[in-house]
PDB file of N, CA and C in Angstrom:
ATOM      1  N   MET A   1      -9.184  10.617   1.554  1.00  0.00           N
ATOM      2  CA  MET A   1      -8.056  10.317   2.428  1.00  0.00           C
ATOM      3  C   MET A   1      -6.939  11.326   2.150  1.00  0.00           C
ATOM      4  N   GLU A   2      -6.320  11.808   3.201  1.00  0.00           N
ATOM      5  CA  GLU A   2      -5.226  12.758   3.072  1.00  0.00           C
ATOM      6  C   GLU A   2      -3.909  12.025   2.785  1.00  0.00           C
ATOM      7  N   THR A   3      -2.958  12.752   2.229  1.00  0.00           N
ATOM      8  CA  THR A   3      -1.660  12.171   1.867  1.00  0.00           C
ATOM      9  C   THR A   3      -0.995  11.434   3.035  1.00  0.00           C
ATOM     10  N   PRO A   4      -0.904  12.035   4.243  1.00  0.00           N
ATOM     11  CA  PRO A   4      -0.259  11.297   5.348  1.00  0.00           C
ATOM     12  C   PRO A   4      -0.975   9.986   5.677  1.00  0.00           C
ATOM     13  N   GLN A   5      -2.300   9.982   5.571  1.00  0.00           N
ATOM     14  CA  GLN A   5      -3.059   8.753   5.840  1.00  0.00           C
ATOM     15  C   GLN A   5      -2.739   7.687   4.802  1.00  0.00           C
ATOM     16  N   ILE A   6      -2.630   8.109   3.554  1.00  0.00           N
ATOM     17  CA  ILE A   6      -2.332   7.166   2.477  1.00  0.00           C
ATOM     18  C   ILE A   6      -0.925   6.604   2.663  1.00  0.00           C
ATOM     19  N   GLN A   7       0.024   7.472   2.977  1.00  0.00           N
ATOM     20  CA  GLN A   7       1.400   7.017   3.193  1.00  0.00           C
ATOM     21  C   GLN A   7       1.466   6.055   4.372  1.00  0.00           C
ATOM     22  N   GLU A   8       0.696   6.329   5.413  1.00  0.00           N
ATOM     23  CA  GLU A   8       0.652   5.446   6.575  1.00  0.00           C
ATOM     24  C   GLU A   8       0.062   4.092   6.193  1.00  0.00           C
ATOM     25  N   LYS A   9      -0.977   4.112   5.380  1.00  0.00           N
ATOM     26  CA  LYS A   9      -1.608   2.862   4.946  1.00  0.00           C
ATOM     27  C   LYS A   9      -0.644   2.043   4.099  1.00  0.00           C
ATOM     28  N   ILE A  10       0.091   2.709   3.201  1.00  0.00           N
ATOM     29  CA  ILE A  10       1.091   2.013   2.388  1.00  0.00           C
ATOM     30  C   ILE A  10       2.113   1.345   3.308  1.00  0.00           C
ATOM     31  N   GLN A  11       2.564   2.071   4.321  1.00  0.00           N
ATOM     32  CA  GLN A  11       3.550   1.524   5.262  1.00  0.00           C
ATOM     33  C   GLN A  11       2.991   0.311   6.001  1.00  0.00           C
ATOM     34  N   GLU A  12       1.738   0.403   6.419  1.00  0.00           N
ATOM     35  CA  GLU A  12       1.100  -0.721   7.113  1.00  0.00           C
ATOM     36  C   GLU A  12       1.037  -1.953   6.207  1.00  0.00           C
ATOM     37  N   LEU A  13       0.678  -1.734   4.945  1.00  0.00           N
ATOM     38  CA  LEU A  13       0.577  -2.848   4.011  1.00  0.00           C
ATOM     39  C   LEU A  13       1.952  -3.450   3.726  1.00  0.00           C
ATOM     40  N   GLU A  14       2.962  -2.592   3.586  1.00  0.00           N
ATOM     41  CA  GLU A  14       4.321  -3.100   3.366  1.00  0.00           C
ATOM     42  C   GLU A  14       4.798  -3.910   4.570  1.00  0.00           C
ATOM     43  N   ASN A  15       4.499  -3.433   5.759  1.00  0.00           N
ATOM     44  CA  ASN A  15       4.866  -4.181   6.964  1.00  0.00           C
ATOM     45  C   ASN A  15       4.148  -5.519   7.009  1.00  0.00           C
ATOM     46  N   TRP A  16       2.891  -5.516   6.594  1.00  0.00           N
ATOM     47  CA  TRP A  16       2.122  -6.754   6.570  1.00  0.00           C
ATOM     48  C   TRP A  16       2.787  -7.756   5.630  1.00  0.00           C
ATOM     49  N   LEU A  17       3.246  -7.283   4.464  1.00  0.00           N
ATOM     50  CA  LEU A  17       3.919  -8.170   3.511  1.00  0.00           C
ATOM     51  C   LEU A  17       5.185  -8.769   4.111  1.00  0.00           C
ATOM     52  N   ILE A  18       5.924  -7.958   4.853  1.00  0.00           N
ATOM     53  CA  ILE A  18       7.156  -8.437   5.490  1.00  0.00           C
ATOM     54  C   ILE A  18       6.830  -9.522   6.523  1.00  0.00           C
ATOM     55  N   GLU A  19       5.752  -9.310   7.258  1.00  0.00           N
ATOM     56  CA  GLU A  19       5.374 -10.252   8.314  1.00  0.00           C
ATOM     57  C   GLU A  19       4.684 -11.502   7.776  1.00  0.00           C
ATOM     58  N   ASN A  20       4.120 -11.416   6.578  1.00  0.00           N
ATOM     59  CA  ASN A  20       3.363 -12.530   6.003  1.00  0.00           C
ATOM     60  C   ASN A  20       3.831 -12.817   4.573  1.00  0.00           C
ATOM     61  N   PRO A  21       5.098 -13.187   4.415  1.00  0.00           N
ATOM     62  CA  PRO A  21       5.670 -13.302   3.067  1.00  0.00           C
ATOM     63  C   PRO A  21       5.033 -14.387   2.201  1.00  0.00           C
ATOM     64  N   ASN A  22       4.428 -15.383   2.804  1.00  0.00           N
ATOM     65  CA  ASN A  22       3.876 -16.489   2.029  1.00  0.00           C
ATOM     66  C   ASN A  22       2.360 -16.521   2.022  1.00  0.00           C
ATOM     67  N   SER A  23       1.743 -15.412   2.370  1.00  0.00           N
ATOM     68  CA  SER A  23       0.289 -15.364   2.441  1.00  0.00           C
ATOM     69  C   SER A  23      -0.338 -15.440   1.057  1.00  0.00           C
ATOM     70  N   PRO A  24      -1.455 -16.146   0.936  1.00  0.00           N
ATOM     71  CA  PRO A  24      -2.168 -16.177  -0.349  1.00  0.00           C
ATOM     72  C   PRO A  24      -2.735 -14.805  -0.733  1.00  0.00           C
ATOM     73  N   GLU A  25      -2.810 -13.897   0.240  1.00  0.00           N
ATOM     74  CA  GLU A  25      -3.341 -12.554  -0.032  1.00  0.00           C
ATOM     75  C   GLU A  25      -2.259 -11.587  -0.503  1.00  0.00           C
ATOM     76  N   ARG A  26      -1.041 -12.075  -0.639  1.00  0.00           N
ATOM     77  CA  ARG A  26       0.086 -11.213  -0.984  1.00  0.00           C
ATOM     78  C   ARG A  26      -0.156 -10.408  -2.269  1.00  0.00           C
ATOM     79  N   THR A  27      -0.643 -11.061  -3.307  1.00  0.00           N
ATOM     80  CA  THR A  27      -0.878 -10.387  -4.581  1.00  0.00           C
ATOM     81  C   THR A  27      -1.892  -9.267  -4.425  1.00  0.00           C
ATOM     82  N   LEU A  28      -2.925  -9.522  -3.645  1.00  0.00           N
ATOM     83  CA  LEU A  28      -3.954  -8.505  -3.401  1.00  0.00           C
ATOM     84  C   LEU A  28      -3.369  -7.296  -2.668  1.00  0.00           C
ATOM     85  N   ILE A  29      -2.554  -7.557  -1.658  1.00  0.00           N
ATOM     86  CA  ILE A  29      -1.943  -6.476  -0.886  1.00  0.00           C
ATOM     87  C   ILE A  29      -0.998  -5.663  -1.776  1.00  0.00           C
ATOM     88  N   GLU A  30      -0.198  -6.352  -2.587  1.00  0.00           N
ATOM     89  CA  GLU A  30       0.708  -5.645  -3.495  1.00  0.00           C
ATOM     90  C   GLU A  30      -0.076  -4.778  -4.468  1.00  0.00           C
ATOM     91  N   SER A  31      -1.202  -5.267  -4.930  1.00  0.00           N
ATOM     92  CA  SER A  31      -2.057  -4.505  -5.828  1.00  0.00           C
ATOM     93  C   SER A  31      -2.596  -3.257  -5.132  1.00  0.00           C
ATOM     94  N   ASP A  32      -2.999  -3.411  -3.884  1.00  0.00           N
ATOM     95  CA  ASP A  32      -3.499  -2.264  -3.113  1.00  0.00           C
ATOM     96  C   ASP A  32      -2.409  -1.208  -2.933  1.00  0.00           C
ATOM     97  N   ILE A  33      -1.192  -1.639  -2.647  1.00  0.00           N
ATOM     98  CA  ILE A  33      -0.074  -0.713  -2.486  1.00  0.00           C
ATOM     99  C   ILE A  33       0.143   0.057  -3.786  1.00  0.00           C
ATOM    100  N   LYS A  34       0.124  -0.661  -4.897  1.00  0.00           N
ATOM    101  CA  LYS A  34       0.328  -0.024  -6.197  1.00  0.00           C
ATOM    102  C   LYS A  34      -0.761   1.013  -6.475  1.00  0.00           C
ATOM    103  N   LYS A  35      -2.002   0.679  -6.168  1.00  0.00           N
ATOM    104  CA  LYS A  35      -3.111   1.606  -6.379  1.00  0.00           C
ATOM    105  C   LYS A  35      -2.942   2.859  -5.529  1.00  0.00           C
ATOM    106  N   LEU A  36      -2.546   2.685  -4.269  1.00  0.00           N
ATOM    107  CA  LEU A  36      -2.363   3.836  -3.383  1.00  0.00           C
ATOM    108  C   LEU A  36      -1.223   4.730  -3.862  1.00  0.00           C
ATOM    109  N   ARG A  37      -0.124   4.109  -4.306  1.00  0.00           N
ATOM    110  CA  ARG A  37       1.010   4.898  -4.798  1.00  0.00           C
ATOM    111  C   ARG A  37       0.629   5.659  -6.063  1.00  0.00           C
ATOM    112  N   THR A  38      -0.128   5.013  -6.938  1.00  0.00           N
ATOM    113  CA  THR A  38      -0.586   5.671  -8.163  1.00  0.00           C
ATOM    114  C   THR A  38      -1.492   6.841  -7.820  1.00  0.00           C
ATOM    115  N   PHE A  39      -2.372   6.636  -6.860  1.00  0.00           N
ATOM    116  CA  PHE A  39      -3.271   7.694  -6.417  1.00  0.00           C
ATOM    117  C   PHE A  39      -2.481   8.891  -5.897  1.00  0.00           C
ATOM    118  N   LEU A  40      -1.461   8.627  -5.095  1.00  0.00           N
ATOM    119  CA  LEU A  40      -0.626   9.709  -4.565  1.00  0.00           C
ATOM    120  C   LEU A  40       0.046  10.491  -5.696  1.00  0.00           C
ATOM    121  N   LYS A  41       0.595   9.776  -6.670  1.00  0.00           N
ATOM    122  CA  LYS A  41       1.285  10.421  -7.791  1.00  0.00           C
ATOM    123  C   LYS A  41       0.329  11.302  -8.577  1.00  0.00           C
ATOM    124  N   GLN A  42      -0.863  10.792  -8.844  1.00  0.00           N
ATOM    125  CA  GLN A  42      -1.822  11.516  -9.671  1.00  0.00           C
ATOM    126  C   GLN A  42      -2.362  12.751  -8.959  1.00  0.00           C
ATOM    127  N   ASN A  43      -2.558  12.659  -7.660  1.00  0.00           N
ATOM    128  CA  ASN A  43      -3.233  13.722  -6.941  1.00  0.00           C
ATOM    129  C   ASN A  43      -2.322  14.663  -6.164  1.00  0.00           C
ATOM    130  N   HIS A  44      -1.076  14.254  -5.977  1.00  0.00           N
ATOM    131  CA  HIS A  44      -0.202  15.060  -5.122  1.00  0.00           C
ATOM    132  C   HIS A  44       1.196  15.225  -5.712  1.00  0.00           C
ATOM    133  N   GLY A  45       1.302  14.956  -7.002  1.00  0.00           N
ATOM    134  CA  GLY A  45       2.583  15.151  -7.691  1.00  0.00           C
ATOM    135  C   GLY A  45       3.660  14.301  -7.146  1.00  0.00           C
TER     136      GLY A  45
END
């Protein structure tokens, strides 16, 4: 996945969290966001 795609995915997940603040999947989504951000840092400075 390219950097713009990853950034777009992070944005989509953040928007999902805003729209679904009480979802039982919230922890999973937050974990995915963290993984994507870590991936960006490691691979793209």
